[in-house]
Amino acid sequence: MATEDKAKATAKNVEGKAQEAMGKVTGDPEDKAQGKMKQGEAQAQHAVENAKDKAKKAID
């Protein structure tokens, strides 16, 4: 399950980068902000998954 969650977070990060880039190209500050927000959410999800992995390794 962790691999699937990491893949989702990576996809969200890519989506955020694309949205931010589109906002820069079109001059839309809302798109830029939403893109950055998605990237932040993806980073947080990666941190959660990494913490889960570390906890699992410590238990095993």
Protein backbone atom coordinates (compact mmCIF):
# COMPACT_ATOMS: atom_id res chain seq x y z
CA MET A 1 0.00 0.00 0.00
CA ALA A 2 2.82 2.41 0.76
CA THR A 3 4.14 2.17 -2.79
CA GLU A 4 0.72 3.06 -4.15
CA ASP A 5 0.47 6.05 -1.79
CA LYS A 6 3.95 7.22 -2.77
CA ALA A 7 2.99 6.96 -6.44
CA LYS A 8 -0.13 9.04 -5.81
CA ALA A 9 1.95 11.67 -4.00
CA THR A 10 4.43 11.76 -6.87
CA ALA A 11 1.61 12.17 -9.37
CA LYS A 12 0.16 15.02 -7.30
CA ASN A 13 3.58 16.68 -7.21
CA VAL A 14 3.90 16.46 -11.00
CA GLU A 15 0.37 17.81 -11.39
CA GLY A 16 1.22 20.69 -9.08
CA LYS A 17 4.39 21.54 -10.98
CA ALA A 18 2.46 21.54 -14.26
CA GLN A 19 -0.27 23.74 -12.81
CA GLU A 20 2.29 26.16 -11.36
CA ALA A 21 4.08 26.35 -14.73
CA MET A 22 0.78 26.97 -16.51
CA GLY A 23 0.05 29.76 -14.05
CA LYS A 24 3.42 31.34 -14.79
CA VAL A 25 2.85 31.12 -18.55
CA THR A 26 -0.68 32.51 -18.42
CA GLY A 27 0.04 34.98 -15.64
CA ASP A 28 -2.67 33.43 -13.45
CA PRO A 29 -1.58 33.80 -9.81
CA GLU A 30 -4.38 31.48 -8.62
CA ASP A 31 -3.12 28.60 -10.79
CA LYS A 32 0.41 29.25 -9.56
CA ALA A 33 -0.71 29.19 -5.94
CA GLN A 34 -2.81 26.05 -6.37
CA GLY A 35 0.11 24.32 -8.07
CA LYS A 36 2.42 25.17 -5.19
CA MET A 37 -0.22 23.98 -2.72
CA LYS A 38 -0.46 20.60 -4.48
CA GLN A 39 3.31 20.27 -4.36
CA GLY A 40 3.26 20.97 -0.63
CA GLU A 41 0.56 18.36 -0.09
CA ALA A 42 2.62 15.85 -2.05
CA GLN A 43 5.71 16.58 0.04
CA ALA A 44 3.71 16.08 3.23
CA GLN A 45 2.36 12.76 1.95
CA HIS A 46 5.89 11.63 1.09
CA ALA A 47 7.01 12.53 4.61
CA VAL A 48 4.16 10.49 6.10
CA GLU A 49 5.00 7.49 3.93
CA ASN A 50 8.69 7.75 4.79
CA ALA A 51 7.83 7.85 8.49
CA LYS A 52 5.65 4.77 8.07
CA ASP A 53 8.52 2.97 6.34
CA LYS A 54 10.95 3.87 9.13
CA ALA A 55 8.49 2.75 11.80
CA LYS A 56 7.91 -0.54 10.01
CA LYS A 57 11.66 -1.16 9.70
CA ALA A 58 12.14 -0.40 13.40
CA ILE A 59 9.42 -2.91 14.33
CA ASP A 60 10.74 -5.64 12.00
